[in-house]
PDB file of N, CA and C in Angstrom:
ATOM      1  N   MET A   1      21.675  -4.917  14.193  1.00  0.00           N
ATOM      2  CA  MET A   1      20.812  -4.617  13.166  1.00  0.00           C
ATOM      3  C   MET A   1      20.622  -6.181  11.569  1.00  0.00           C
ATOM      4  N   SER A   2      19.711  -6.556  11.623  1.00  0.00           N
ATOM      5  CA  SER A   2      19.424  -7.468  10.543  1.00  0.00           C
ATOM      6  C   SER A   2      20.037  -7.454   8.801  1.00  0.00           C
ATOM      7  N   ASN A   3      20.690  -7.854   8.602  1.00  0.00           N
ATOM      8  CA  ASN A   3      20.147  -7.668   7.316  1.00  0.00           C
ATOM      9  C   ASN A   3      19.375  -8.514   6.005  1.00  0.00           C
ATOM     10  N   SER A   4      18.344  -8.645   6.360  1.00  0.00           N
ATOM     11  CA  SER A   4      16.728  -9.124   5.535  1.00  0.00           C
ATOM     12  C   SER A   4      16.299  -8.035   5.323  1.00  0.00           C
ATOM     13  N   ALA A   5      15.878  -7.981   3.919  1.00  0.00           N
ATOM     14  CA  ALA A   5      15.376  -7.065   3.423  1.00  0.00           C
ATOM     15  C   ALA A   5      13.415  -6.543   4.598  1.00  0.00           C
ATOM     16  N   LYS A   6      13.534  -5.491   3.989  1.00  0.00           N
ATOM     17  CA  LYS A   6      12.548  -4.941   5.511  1.00  0.00           C
ATOM     18  C   LYS A   6      11.885  -3.960   3.622  1.00  0.00           C
ATOM     19  N   LEU A   7      10.362  -4.050   4.574  1.00  0.00           N
ATOM     20  CA  LEU A   7       9.330  -3.213   3.751  1.00  0.00           C
ATOM     21  C   LEU A   7       8.772  -3.230   4.555  1.00  0.00           C
ATOM     22  N   LEU A   8       8.559  -1.549   4.551  1.00  0.00           N
ATOM     23  CA  LEU A   8       7.444  -0.737   4.818  1.00  0.00           C
ATOM     24  C   LEU A   8       6.385  -0.061   4.525  1.00  0.00           C
ATOM     25  N   PHE A   9       5.016  -0.228   5.296  1.00  0.00           N
ATOM     26  CA  PHE A   9       3.891   0.434   4.081  1.00  0.00           C
ATOM     27  C   PHE A   9       2.786   1.227   5.655  1.00  0.00           C
ATOM     28  N   ASP A  10       2.289   1.901   5.180  1.00  0.00           N
ATOM     29  CA  ASP A  10       1.487   3.443   5.622  1.00  0.00           C
ATOM     30  C   ASP A  10       0.606   3.736   4.811  1.00  0.00           C
ATOM     31  N   ALA A  11      -0.417   3.451   5.891  1.00  0.00           N
ATOM     32  CA  ALA A  11      -2.001   3.424   5.070  1.00  0.00           C
ATOM     33  C   ALA A  11      -2.451   4.758   5.645  1.00  0.00           C
ATOM     34  N   LYS A  12      -2.837   5.157   4.726  1.00  0.00           N
ATOM     35  CA  LYS A  12      -3.291   6.747   3.889  1.00  0.00           C
ATOM     36  C   LYS A  12      -4.499   6.951   4.452  1.00  0.00           C
ATOM     37  N   TYR A  13      -5.248   8.190   4.907  1.00  0.00           N
ATOM     38  CA  TYR A  13      -6.599   8.194   4.860  1.00  0.00           C
ATOM     39  C   TYR A  13      -7.807   8.435   4.046  1.00  0.00           C
ATOM     40  N   LYS A  14      -6.964   9.313   3.389  1.00  0.00           N
ATOM     41  CA  LYS A  14      -7.354  10.076   2.091  1.00  0.00           C
ATOM     42  C   LYS A  14      -7.776   8.613   1.090  1.00  0.00           C
ATOM     43  N   PRO A  15      -9.681   8.996   0.465  1.00  0.00           N
ATOM     44  CA  PRO A  15      -9.853   8.098  -0.141  1.00  0.00           C
ATOM     45  C   PRO A  15      -9.649   7.719  -1.526  1.00  0.00           C
ATOM     46  N   GLY A  16      -8.893   6.700  -2.885  1.00  0.00           N
ATOM     47  CA  GLY A  16      -9.041   6.624  -3.822  1.00  0.00           C
ATOM     48  C   GLY A  16      -9.951   6.805  -4.449  1.00  0.00           C
ATOM     49  N   GLY A  17     -10.124   6.290  -6.000  1.00  0.00           N
ATOM     50  CA  GLY A  17     -10.587   6.257  -6.589  1.00  0.00           C
ATOM     51  C   GLY A  17     -10.865   5.001  -7.264  1.00  0.00           C
ATOM     52  N   GLN A  18     -12.348   4.309  -7.425  1.00  0.00           N
ATOM     53  CA  GLN A  18     -12.257   2.857  -8.154  1.00  0.00           C
ATOM     54  C   GLN A  18     -11.403   2.912  -9.410  1.00  0.00           C
ATOM     55  N   HIS A  19     -10.841   2.083  -9.060  1.00  0.00           N
ATOM     56  CA  HIS A  19      -9.851   1.304 -10.556  1.00  0.00           C
ATOM     57  C   HIS A  19      -8.638   2.530 -10.825  1.00  0.00           C
ATOM     58  N   GLY A  20      -8.711   4.218 -10.125  1.00  0.00           N
ATOM     59  CA  GLY A  20      -8.536   4.703 -10.927  1.00  0.00           C
ATOM     60  C   GLY A  20      -7.305   5.311  -9.932  1.00  0.00           C
ATOM     61  N   ALA A  21      -6.313   6.617 -10.243  1.00  0.00           N
ATOM     62  CA  ALA A  21      -5.002   6.374 -10.609  1.00  0.00           C
ATOM     63  C   ALA A  21      -5.077   7.649  -8.617  1.00  0.00           C
ATOM     64  N   VAL A  22      -4.126   6.639  -7.494  1.00  0.00           N
ATOM     65  CA  VAL A  22      -3.816   7.737  -6.767  1.00  0.00           C
ATOM     66  C   VAL A  22      -2.245   8.653  -6.966  1.00  0.00           C
ATOM     67  N   SER A  23      -2.015   9.789  -6.519  1.00  0.00           N
ATOM     68  CA  SER A  23      -1.131  10.704  -7.202  1.00  0.00           C
ATOM     69  C   SER A  23      -0.754  10.838  -5.790  1.00  0.00           C
ATOM     70  N   ILE A  24       1.152  10.372  -5.869  1.00  0.00           N
ATOM     71  CA  ILE A  24       1.463  10.447  -4.486  1.00  0.00           C
ATOM     72  C   ILE A  24       2.110  12.201  -4.252  1.00  0.00           C
ATOM     73  N   SER A  25       1.278  12.611  -3.190  1.00  0.00           N
ATOM     74  CA  SER A  25       1.318  13.939  -2.848  1.00  0.00           C
ATOM     75  C   SER A  25       3.267  14.533  -2.697  1.00  0.00           C
ATOM     76  N   ASN A  26       4.007  15.234  -2.628  1.00  0.00           N
ATOM     77  CA  ASN A  26       5.020  15.605  -2.126  1.00  0.00           C
ATOM     78  C   ASN A  26       5.048  15.165  -0.287  1.00  0.00           C
ATOM     79  N   ALA A  27       4.437  16.179  -0.232  1.00  0.00           N
ATOM     80  CA  ALA A  27       4.122  15.654   1.852  1.00  0.00           C
ATOM     81  C   ALA A  27       4.573  14.250   1.878  1.00  0.00           C
ATOM     82  N   ASP A  28       3.980  13.464   1.411  1.00  0.00           N
ATOM     83  CA  ASP A  28       3.593  11.495   1.482  1.00  0.00           C
ATOM     84  C   ASP A  28       5.195  11.753   1.030  1.00  0.00           C
ATOM     85  N   ILE A  29       5.172  11.811  -0.002  1.00  0.00           N
ATOM     86  CA  ILE A  29       7.140  11.663  -0.540  1.00  0.00           C
ATOM     87  C   ILE A  29       8.268  11.979   1.179  1.00  0.00           C
ATOM     88  N   TYR A  30       7.871  13.060   1.358  1.00  0.00           N
ATOM     89  CA  TYR A  30       9.123  13.869   2.315  1.00  0.00           C
ATOM     90  C   TYR A  30       8.538  12.650   3.680  1.00  0.00           C
ATOM     91  N   GLU A  31       7.723  12.068   4.251  1.00  0.00           N
ATOM     92  CA  GLU A  31       7.064  11.942   4.960  1.00  0.00           C
ATOM     93  C   GLU A  31       8.029  10.483   5.040  1.00  0.00           C
ATOM     94  N   SER A  32       7.159   9.677   3.739  1.00  0.00           N
ATOM     95  CA  SER A  32       7.810   8.557   3.384  1.00  0.00           C
ATOM     96  C   SER A  32       9.116   7.861   3.530  1.00  0.00           C
ATOM     97  N   LEU A  33      10.311   8.597   2.571  1.00  0.00           N
ATOM     98  CA  LEU A  33      11.986   9.139   3.362  1.00  0.00           C
ATOM     99  C   LEU A  33      11.836   8.951   4.856  1.00  0.00           C
ATOM    100  N   ALA A  34      10.993  10.084   5.545  1.00  0.00           N
ATOM    101  CA  ALA A  34      11.577  10.415   6.711  1.00  0.00           C
ATOM    102  C   ALA A  34      11.816   8.725   7.351  1.00  0.00           C
ATOM    103  N   PHE A  35      10.495   7.412   7.283  1.00  0.00           N
ATOM    104  CA  PHE A  35       9.875   6.252   7.748  1.00  0.00           C
ATOM    105  C   PHE A  35      10.793   5.265   7.112  1.00  0.00           C
ATOM    106  N   MET A  36      11.179   5.997   5.919  1.00  0.00           N
ATOM    107  CA  MET A  36      12.745   4.844   5.002  1.00  0.00           C
ATOM    108  C   MET A  36      14.314   5.049   5.877  1.00  0.00           C
ATOM    109  N   GLN A  37      14.412   6.321   6.166  1.00  0.00           N
ATOM    110  CA  GLN A  37      15.773   6.801   6.959  1.00  0.00           C
ATOM    111  C   GLN A  37      15.662   6.340   8.272  1.00  0.00           C
ATOM    112  N   ALA A  38      14.694   6.575   8.928  1.00  0.00           N
ATOM    113  CA  ALA A  38      14.260   6.125  10.708  1.00  0.00           C
ATOM    114  C   ALA A  38      14.747   4.187  10.619  1.00  0.00           C
ATOM    115  N   ALA A  39      14.139   3.582   9.758  1.00  0.00           N
ATOM    116  CA  ALA A  39      13.499   1.998   9.865  1.00  0.00           C
ATOM    117  C   ALA A  39      14.672   2.030   9.107  1.00  0.00           C
ATOM    118  N   HIS A  40      15.631   1.996   8.094  1.00  0.00           N
ATOM    119  CA  HIS A  40      16.907   1.723   7.499  1.00  0.00           C
ATOM    120  C   HIS A  40      16.547   1.042   6.435  1.00  0.00           C
ATOM    121  N   CYS A  41      15.394   1.427   5.851  1.00  0.00           N
ATOM    122  CA  CYS A  41      14.756   0.566   4.391  1.00  0.00           C
ATOM    123  C   CYS A  41      15.012   1.448   3.390  1.00  0.00           C
ATOM    124  N   ASP A  42      14.351   0.699   2.606  1.00  0.00           N
ATOM    125  CA  ASP A  42      14.845   1.476   1.247  1.00  0.00           C
ATOM    126  C   ASP A  42      13.110   0.581   0.653  1.00  0.00           C
ATOM    127  N   ASP A  43      12.489   0.515   1.108  1.00  0.00           N
ATOM    128  CA  ASP A  43      11.126   0.483   0.770  1.00  0.00           C
ATOM    129  C   ASP A  43       9.458   0.200   0.735  1.00  0.00           C
ATOM    130  N   ILE A  44       8.754   1.725   0.203  1.00  0.00           N
ATOM    131  CA  ILE A  44       7.858   1.558   1.593  1.00  0.00           C
ATOM    132  C   ILE A  44       6.584   1.606  -0.212  1.00  0.00           C
ATOM    133  N   CYS A  45       4.802   1.096   1.031  1.00  0.00           N
ATOM    134  CA  CYS A  45       4.178   0.610   0.123  1.00  0.00           C
ATOM    135  C   CYS A  45       2.638   1.830   0.736  1.00  0.00           C
ATOM    136  N   LEU A  46       2.468   2.438   0.112  1.00  0.00           N
ATOM    137  CA  LEU A  46       0.892   3.853   0.614  1.00  0.00           C
ATOM    138  C   LEU A  46       0.509   3.164   0.130  1.00  0.00           C
ATOM    139  N   ILE A  47      -0.573   2.855   1.024  1.00  0.00           N
ATOM    140  CA  ILE A  47      -1.912   2.042   0.798  1.00  0.00           C
ATOM    141  C   ILE A  47      -2.942   2.872   1.292  1.00  0.00           C
ATOM    142  N   TYR A  48      -3.679   3.331  -0.061  1.00  0.00           N
ATOM    143  CA  TYR A  48      -4.841   4.157   0.123  1.00  0.00           C
ATOM    144  C   TYR A  48      -6.417   3.583  -0.272  1.00  0.00           C
ATOM    145  N   PRO A  49      -7.341   3.916   0.622  1.00  0.00           N
ATOM    146  CA  PRO A  49      -8.432   2.949   0.605  1.00  0.00           C
ATOM    147  C   PRO A  49      -9.008   3.122  -0.984  1.00  0.00           C
ATOM    148  N   SER A  50      -9.859   2.037  -1.165  1.00  0.00           N
ATOM    149  CA  SER A  50     -11.024   2.711  -2.779  1.00  0.00           C
ATOM    150  C   SER A  50     -12.015   1.888  -2.300  1.00  0.00           C
ATOM    151  N   PRO A  51     -13.066   2.062  -3.228  1.00  0.00           N
ATOM    152  CA  PRO A  51     -14.375   2.058  -2.610  1.00  0.00           C
ATOM    153  C   PRO A  51     -14.683   0.323  -3.530  1.00  0.00           C
ATOM    154  N   GLU A  52     -14.253  -0.815  -3.387  1.00  0.00           N
ATOM    155  CA  GLU A  52     -14.265  -1.734  -3.713  1.00  0.00           C
ATOM    156  C   GLU A  52     -14.236  -2.676  -3.132  1.00  0.00           C
ATOM    157  N   ARG A  53     -14.616  -3.600  -2.795  1.00  0.00           N
ATOM    158  CA  ARG A  53     -15.443  -5.067  -1.780  1.00  0.00           C
ATOM    159  C   ARG A  53     -14.044  -5.661  -1.875  1.00  0.00           C
ATOM    160  N   VAL A  54     -13.442  -6.081   0.081  1.00  0.00           N
ATOM    161  CA  VAL A  54     -12.651  -6.708   0.254  1.00  0.00           C
ATOM    162  C   VAL A  54     -12.210  -8.181  -0.557  1.00  0.00           C
ATOM    163  N   ASP A  55     -13.160  -8.445  -1.013  1.00  0.00           N
ATOM    164  CA  ASP A  55     -12.891  -9.975  -1.836  1.00  0.00           C
ATOM    165  C   ASP A  55     -12.762  -9.750  -2.844  1.00  0.00           C
ATOM    166  N   THR A  56     -12.924  -8.725  -3.123  1.00  0.00           N
ATOM    167  CA  THR A  56     -12.445  -8.619  -5.201  1.00  0.00           C
ATOM    168  C   THR A  56     -11.096  -9.137  -5.232  1.00  0.00           C
ATOM    169  N   ALA A  57     -10.952 -10.186  -6.731  1.00  0.00           N
ATOM    170  CA  ALA A  57      -9.449 -10.630  -6.862  1.00  0.00           C
ATOM    171  C   ALA A  57      -8.496  -9.130  -7.071  1.00  0.00           C
ATOM    172  N   GLY A  58      -9.122  -8.460  -7.423  1.00  0.00           N
ATOM    173  CA  GLY A  58      -7.638  -7.247  -7.942  1.00  0.00           C
ATOM    174  C   GLY A  58      -7.992  -6.063  -7.160  1.00  0.00           C
ATOM    175  N   GLN A  59      -8.350  -6.830  -5.656  1.00  0.00           N
ATOM    176  CA  GLN A  59      -8.599  -5.258  -5.441  1.00  0.00           C
ATOM    177  C   GLN A  59      -7.124  -4.519  -4.852  1.00  0.00           C
ATOM    178  N   LEU A  60      -6.627  -4.652  -5.014  1.00  0.00           N
ATOM    179  CA  LEU A  60      -5.521  -4.262  -4.496  1.00  0.00           C
ATOM    180  C   LEU A  60      -4.698  -3.517  -6.208  1.00  0.00           C
ATOM    181  N   LEU A  61      -3.893  -2.716  -6.102  1.00  0.00           N
ATOM    182  CA  LEU A  61      -3.754  -1.802  -7.674  1.00  0.00           C
ATOM    183  C   LEU A  61      -2.839  -1.039  -6.905  1.00  0.00           C
ATOM    184  N   ILE A  62      -1.432  -1.369  -7.405  1.00  0.00           N
ATOM    185  CA  ILE A  62      -0.293  -0.486  -7.745  1.00  0.00           C
ATOM    186  C   ILE A  62      -1.179   0.458  -8.930  1.00  0.00           C
ATOM    187  N   THR A  63      -0.911   2.210  -8.889  1.00  0.00           N
ATOM    188  CA  THR A  63      -1.289   3.284  -9.166  1.00  0.00           C
ATOM    189  C   THR A  63       0.438   4.342  -9.581  1.00  0.00           C
ATOM    190  N   GLU A  64       1.088   4.095  -8.371  1.00  0.00           N
ATOM    191  CA  GLU A  64       2.252   4.954  -8.813  1.00  0.00           C
ATOM    192  C   GLU A  64       3.414   4.503  -8.437  1.00  0.00           C
ATOM    193  N   THR A  65       5.063   4.883  -8.953  1.00  0.00           N
ATOM    194  CA  THR A  65       5.748   4.320  -8.277  1.00  0.00           C
ATOM    195  C   THR A  65       6.412   5.454  -8.068  1.00  0.00           C
ATOM    196  N   VAL A  66       7.830   6.182  -7.351  1.00  0.00           N
ATOM    197  CA  VAL A  66       8.394   7.587  -6.696  1.00  0.00           C
ATOM    198  C   VAL A  66       9.522   6.233  -6.567  1.00  0.00           C
ATOM    199  N   LYS A  67      10.683   6.977  -6.837  1.00  0.00           N
ATOM    200  CA  LYS A  67      12.223   6.747  -6.417  1.00  0.00           C
ATOM    201  C   LYS A  67      12.765   8.025  -6.869  1.00  0.00           C
ATOM    202  N   VAL A  68      13.541   7.884  -5.521  1.00  0.00           N
ATOM    203  CA  VAL A  68      14.311   8.436  -5.071  1.00  0.00           C
ATOM    204  C   VAL A  68      15.636   8.234  -5.137  1.00  0.00           C
ATOM    205  N   GLY A  69      16.926   9.001  -4.710  1.00  0.00           N
ATOM    206  CA  GLY A  69      18.271   8.111  -4.583  1.00  0.00           C
ATOM    207  C   GLY A  69      17.359   6.492  -4.806  1.00  0.00           C
ATOM    208  N   GLY A  70      18.218   5.630  -3.703  1.00  0.00           N
ATOM    209  CA  GLY A  70      17.774   4.090  -3.719  1.00  0.00           C
ATOM    210  C   GLY A  70      16.489   3.984  -3.184  1.00  0.00           C
ATOM    211  N   LYS A  71      15.874   4.669  -3.460  1.00  0.00           N
ATOM    212  CA  LYS A  71      14.534   4.826  -2.041  1.00  0.00           C
ATOM    213  C   LYS A  71      13.042   4.344  -3.133  1.00  0.00           C
ATOM    214  N   THR A  72      12.464   3.774  -2.895  1.00  0.00           N
ATOM    215  CA  THR A  72      10.711   3.228  -3.866  1.00  0.00           C
ATOM    216  C   THR A  72       9.704   3.340  -2.901  1.00  0.00           C
ATOM    217  N   ILE A  73       8.951   4.592  -3.640  1.00  0.00           N
ATOM    218  CA  ILE A  73       8.046   4.687  -2.877  1.00  0.00           C
ATOM    219  C   ILE A  73       6.534   4.171  -3.878  1.00  0.00           C
ATOM    220  N   LYS A  74       5.594   3.301  -3.856  1.00  0.00           N
ATOM    221  CA  LYS A  74       4.684   2.802  -4.491  1.00  0.00           C
ATOM    222  C   LYS A  74       3.254   3.004  -3.682  1.00  0.00           C
ATOM    223  N   ALA A  75       1.947   3.551  -4.165  1.00  0.00           N
ATOM    224  CA  ALA A  75       0.919   3.515  -4.567  1.00  0.00           C
ATOM    225  C   ALA A  75      -0.138   2.928  -4.688  1.00  0.00           C
ATOM    226  N   MET A  76      -0.467   2.321  -3.915  1.00  0.00           N
ATOM    227  CA  MET A  76      -1.089   1.253  -3.587  1.00  0.00           C
ATOM    228  C   MET A  76      -2.938   1.074  -3.634  1.00  0.00           C
ATOM    229  N   LEU A  77      -3.886   0.994  -4.319  1.00  0.00           N
ATOM    230  CA  LEU A  77      -5.520   1.135  -4.052  1.00  0.00           C
ATOM    231  C   LEU A  77      -6.115  -0.006  -3.421  1.00  0.00           C
ATOM    232  N   LEU A  78      -6.252  -0.275  -1.951  1.00  0.00           N
ATOM    233  CA  LEU A  78      -6.571  -1.617  -1.521  1.00  0.00           C
ATOM    234  C   LEU A  78      -8.631  -1.661  -1.201  1.00  0.00           C
ATOM    235  N   GLY A  79      -9.440  -2.462  -1.683  1.00  0.00           N
ATOM    236  CA  GLY A  79     -10.604  -2.646  -1.101  1.00  0.00           C
ATOM    237  C   GLY A  79     -10.922  -2.161   0.055  1.00  0.00           C
ATOM    238  N   VAL A  80     -11.699  -1.629   0.324  1.00  0.00           N
ATOM    239  CA  VAL A  80     -11.975  -1.737   1.704  1.00  0.00           C
ATOM    240  C   VAL A  80     -14.049  -1.640   2.122  1.00  0.00           C
ATOM    241  N   SER A  81     -14.414  -1.466   1.343  1.00  0.00           N
ATOM    242  CA  SER A  81     -15.702  -2.094   1.303  1.00  0.00           C
ATOM    243  C   SER A  81     -15.930  -3.366   2.088  1.00  0.00           C
ATOM    244  N   GLY A  82     -16.617  -3.701   3.260  1.00  0.00           N
ATOM    245  CA  GLY A  82     -17.171  -4.766   3.897  1.00  0.00           C
ATOM    246  C   GLY A  82     -16.514  -5.012   4.730  1.00  0.00           C
ATOM    247  N   ILE A  83     -15.557  -4.280   5.222  1.00  0.00           N
ATOM    248  CA  ILE A  83     -14.209  -4.478   6.389  1.00  0.00           C
ATOM    249  C   ILE A  83     -15.058  -4.603   7.539  1.00  0.00           C
ATOM    250  N   SER A  84     -16.685  -3.834   7.439  1.00  0.00           N
ATOM    251  CA  SER A  84     -17.054  -3.987   8.997  1.00  0.00           C
ATOM    252  C   SER A  84     -17.778  -4.981   9.124  1.00  0.00           C
ATOM    253  N   GLN A  85     -18.141  -6.258   7.646  1.00  0.00           N
ATOM    254  CA  GLN A  85     -19.402  -6.995   8.282  1.00  0.00           C
ATOM    255  C   GLN A  85     -18.178  -8.225   8.641  1.00  0.00           C
ATOM    256  N   PRO A  86     -18.658  -9.206   9.226  1.00  0.00           N
ATOM    257  CA  PRO A  86     -18.142 -10.598   9.527  1.00  0.00           C
ATOM    258  C   PRO A  86     -17.254 -11.113   9.618  1.00  0.00           C
ATOM    259  N   GLN A  87     -16.241 -11.460   9.562  1.00  0.00           N
ATOM    260  CA  GLN A  87     -14.567 -11.979   9.321  1.00  0.00           C
ATOM    261  C   GLN A  87     -14.217 -10.878   8.894  1.00  0.00           C
ATOM    262  N   GLY A  88     -15.152  -9.498   8.068  1.00  0.00           N
ATOM    263  CA  GLY A  88     -14.083  -8.577   7.001  1.00  0.00           C
ATOM    264  C   GLY A  88     -12.502  -7.937   7.513  1.00  0.00           C
ATOM    265  N   TRP A  89     -12.420  -7.826   8.438  1.00  0.00           N
ATOM    266  CA  TRP A  89     -10.499  -7.993   8.615  1.00  0.00           C
ATOM    267  C   TRP A  89     -10.066  -8.817   8.385  1.00  0.00           C
ATOM    268  N   SER A  90     -10.335 -10.094   8.619  1.00  0.00           N
ATOM    269  CA  SER A  90      -9.643 -11.432   7.920  1.00  0.00           C
ATOM    270  C   SER A  90      -9.710 -11.332   6.951  1.00  0.00           C
ATOM    271  N   LEU A  91     -10.642 -11.173   6.089  1.00  0.00           N
ATOM    272  CA  LEU A  91     -10.601 -11.096   5.057  1.00  0.00           C
ATOM    273  C   LEU A  91      -9.919 -10.211   4.203  1.00  0.00           C
ATOM    274  N   LEU A  92      -9.938  -9.023   4.629  1.00  0.00           N
ATOM    275  CA  LEU A  92      -8.743  -7.926   4.190  1.00  0.00           C
ATOM    276  C   LEU A  92      -7.789  -8.467   4.555  1.00  0.00           C
ATOM    277  N   VAL A  93      -6.946  -8.544   4.663  1.00  0.00           N
ATOM    278  CA  VAL A  93      -5.879  -9.090   5.149  1.00  0.00           C
ATOM    279  C   VAL A  93      -5.457 -10.289   4.541  1.00  0.00           C
ATOM    280  N   LYS A  94      -6.255 -11.176   4.177  1.00  0.00           N
ATOM    281  CA  LYS A  94      -5.947 -12.398   3.190  1.00  0.00           C
ATOM    282  C   LYS A  94      -6.029 -12.271   2.032  1.00  0.00           C
ATOM    283  N   SER A  95      -6.684 -10.868   1.491  1.00  0.00           N
ATOM    284  CA  SER A  95      -6.667 -11.001   0.468  1.00  0.00           C
ATOM    285  C   SER A  95      -5.353 -10.312  -0.135  1.00  0.00           C
ATOM    286  N   PHE A  96      -5.610  -8.854   1.054  1.00  0.00           N
ATOM    287  CA  PHE A  96      -4.473  -8.106   0.525  1.00  0.00           C
ATOM    288  C   PHE A  96      -3.084  -8.707   0.676  1.00  0.00           C
ATOM    289  N   ARG A  97      -2.503  -9.556   1.234  1.00  0.00           N
ATOM    290  CA  ARG A  97      -1.317 -10.657   1.460  1.00  0.00           C
ATOM    291  C   ARG A  97      -1.248 -10.868  -0.067  1.00  0.00           C
ATOM    292  N   GLN A  98      -2.760 -11.748  -0.681  1.00  0.00           N
ATOM    293  CA  GLN A  98      -2.860 -12.704  -1.887  1.00  0.00           C
ATOM    294  C   GLN A  98      -2.160 -11.597  -2.913  1.00  0.00           C
ATOM    295  N   ALA A  99      -2.388 -10.346  -3.573  1.00  0.00           N
ATOM    296  CA  ALA A  99      -2.452  -9.747  -3.725  1.00  0.00           C
ATOM    297  C   ALA A  99      -0.705  -9.404  -3.804  1.00  0.00           C
ATOM    298  N   TYR A 100      -0.351  -9.070  -2.715  1.00  0.00           N
ATOM    299  CA  TYR A 100       0.632  -7.961  -2.659  1.00  0.00           C
ATOM    300  C   TYR A 100       1.888  -9.382  -2.765  1.00  0.00           C
ATOM    301  N   GLU A 101       1.221  -9.962  -2.368  1.00  0.00           N
ATOM    302  CA  GLU A 101       2.369 -11.690  -3.100  1.00  0.00           C
ATOM    303  C   GLU A 101       2.439 -12.035  -4.603  1.00  0.00           C
ATOM    304  N   LYS A 102       1.319 -11.698  -5.050  1.00  0.00           N
ATOM    305  CA  LYS A 102       0.751 -11.518  -6.814  1.00  0.00           C
ATOM    306  C   LYS A 102       2.239 -10.669  -7.284  1.00  0.00           C
ATOM    307  N   SER A 103       1.970  -9.466  -6.658  1.00  0.00           N
ATOM    308  CA  SER A 103       2.273  -8.508  -7.186  1.00  0.00           C
ATOM    309  C   SER A 103       3.474  -8.326  -7.548  1.00  0.00           C
ATOM    310  N   ARG A 104       4.271  -9.008  -6.697  1.00  0.00           N
ATOM    311  CA  ARG A 104       5.638  -8.869  -6.848  1.00  0.00           C
ATOM    312  C   ARG A 104       6.294 -10.330  -7.889  1.00  0.00           C
ATOM    313  N   ALA A 105       5.334 -11.304  -8.193  1.00  0.00           N
ATOM    314  CA  ALA A 105       5.665 -12.093  -9.125  1.00  0.00           C
ATOM    315  C   ALA A 105       6.269 -12.003 -10.042  1.00  0.00           C
TER     316      ALA A 105
END
Protein backbone atom coordinates (compact mmCIF):
# COMPACT_ATOMS: atom_id res chain seq x y z
CA MET A 1 0.00 0.00 0.00
CA SER A 2 1.29 3.48 -0.84
CA ASN A 3 1.91 6.18 1.75
CA SER A 4 0.03 8.83 -0.23
CA ALA A 5 -2.81 10.69 1.48
CA LYS A 6 -6.29 9.37 0.82
CA LEU A 7 -9.64 11.07 1.07
CA LEU A 8 -12.95 9.26 0.78
CA PHE A 9 -16.22 10.74 -0.44
CA ASP A 10 -19.65 9.26 0.28
CA ALA A 11 -22.69 10.64 -1.56
CA LYS A 12 -25.76 10.79 0.66
CA TYR A 13 -29.27 10.89 -0.71
CA LYS A 14 -31.04 12.60 2.16
CA PRO A 15 -31.42 16.23 1.17
CA GLY A 16 -29.79 19.09 2.99
CA GLY A 17 -31.28 22.55 3.24
CA GLN A 18 -30.35 25.52 1.12
CA HIS A 19 -27.40 27.14 2.95
CA GLY A 20 -28.57 25.11 5.94
CA ALA A 21 -26.73 22.86 8.27
CA VAL A 22 -26.64 19.12 7.87
CA SER A 23 -26.08 17.17 11.04
CA ILE A 24 -24.14 13.92 10.70
CA SER A 25 -26.23 11.08 12.13
CA ASN A 26 -24.77 8.42 14.40
CA ALA A 27 -25.41 5.84 11.67
CA ASP A 28 -23.38 7.91 9.19
CA ILE A 29 -20.55 8.25 11.72
CA TYR A 30 -20.37 4.48 12.26
CA GLU A 31 -20.57 3.81 8.52
CA SER A 32 -17.85 6.41 7.85
CA LEU A 33 -15.55 4.90 10.47
CA ALA A 34 -16.00 1.47 8.87
CA PHE A 35 -15.23 2.87 5.39
CA MET A 36 -12.12 4.65 6.68
CA GLN A 37 -10.89 1.54 8.49
CA ALA A 38 -11.39 -0.61 5.38
CA ALA A 39 -9.61 1.95 3.17
CA HIS A 40 -6.85 2.72 5.70
CA CYS A 41 -7.84 6.38 5.53
CA ASP A 42 -8.29 9.14 8.13
CA ASP A 43 -10.63 11.52 6.26
CA ILE A 44 -14.07 11.24 4.67
CA CYS A 45 -16.46 13.82 3.20
CA LEU A 46 -20.19 13.07 3.29
CA ILE A 47 -21.84 14.92 0.42
CA TYR A 48 -25.50 15.84 0.86
CA PRO A 49 -27.56 17.28 -2.02
CA SER A 50 -28.66 20.91 -1.88
CA PRO A 51 -31.32 22.55 -4.09
CA GLU A 52 -28.82 25.14 -5.36
CA ARG A 53 -27.71 25.15 -8.99
CA VAL A 54 -24.62 23.18 -9.95
CA ASP A 55 -22.95 26.33 -11.31
CA THR A 56 -23.23 28.56 -8.24
CA ALA A 57 -19.91 29.73 -6.88
CA GLY A 58 -20.61 28.82 -3.27
CA GLN A 59 -22.27 25.54 -4.05
CA LEU A 60 -20.06 23.46 -1.74
CA LEU A 61 -20.59 24.24 1.91
CA ILE A 62 -18.97 22.38 4.81
CA THR A 63 -21.63 22.29 7.52
CA GLU A 64 -20.18 20.06 10.21
CA THR A 65 -16.91 18.38 11.13
CA VAL A 66 -16.74 15.42 13.52
CA LYS A 67 -13.46 14.05 14.85
CA VAL A 68 -13.24 10.56 16.30
CA GLY A 69 -9.74 9.69 17.47
CA GLY A 70 -7.51 10.56 14.51
CA LYS A 71 -10.39 10.31 12.01
CA THR A 72 -12.19 13.30 10.48
CA ILE A 73 -15.72 13.25 9.02
CA LYS A 74 -16.99 16.34 7.18
CA ALA A 75 -20.56 16.99 6.05
CA MET A 76 -20.87 19.04 2.86
CA LEU A 77 -23.82 20.45 0.95
CA LEU A 78 -23.45 20.28 -2.83
CA GLY A 79 -25.77 22.11 -5.24
CA VAL A 80 -27.36 19.62 -7.64
CA SER A 81 -30.16 21.56 -9.33
CA GLY A 82 -29.62 21.48 -13.11
CA ILE A 83 -27.56 18.29 -13.16
CA SER A 84 -29.86 16.82 -15.85
CA GLN A 85 -29.30 19.76 -18.19
CA PRO A 86 -26.79 19.47 -21.07
CA GLN A 87 -23.28 19.44 -19.57
CA GLY A 88 -24.84 19.40 -16.09
CA TRP A 89 -22.75 16.49 -14.80
CA SER A 90 -19.50 17.94 -16.16
CA LEU A 91 -20.34 21.30 -14.60
CA LEU A 92 -21.14 19.63 -11.28
CA VAL A 93 -17.80 17.80 -11.22
CA LYS A 94 -15.86 20.92 -12.23
CA SER A 95 -17.62 23.12 -9.68
CA PHE A 96 -17.19 20.54 -6.93
CA ARG A 97 -13.49 20.19 -7.62
CA GLN A 98 -12.92 23.95 -7.63
CA ALA A 99 -14.94 24.47 -4.45
CA TYR A 100 -13.28 21.55 -2.66
CA GLU A 101 -9.77 22.74 -3.58
CA LYS A 102 -10.68 26.23 -2.39
CA SER A 103 -11.96 24.81 0.92
CA ARG A 104 -8.58 23.15 1.52
CA ALA A 105 -6.56 26.34 0.93
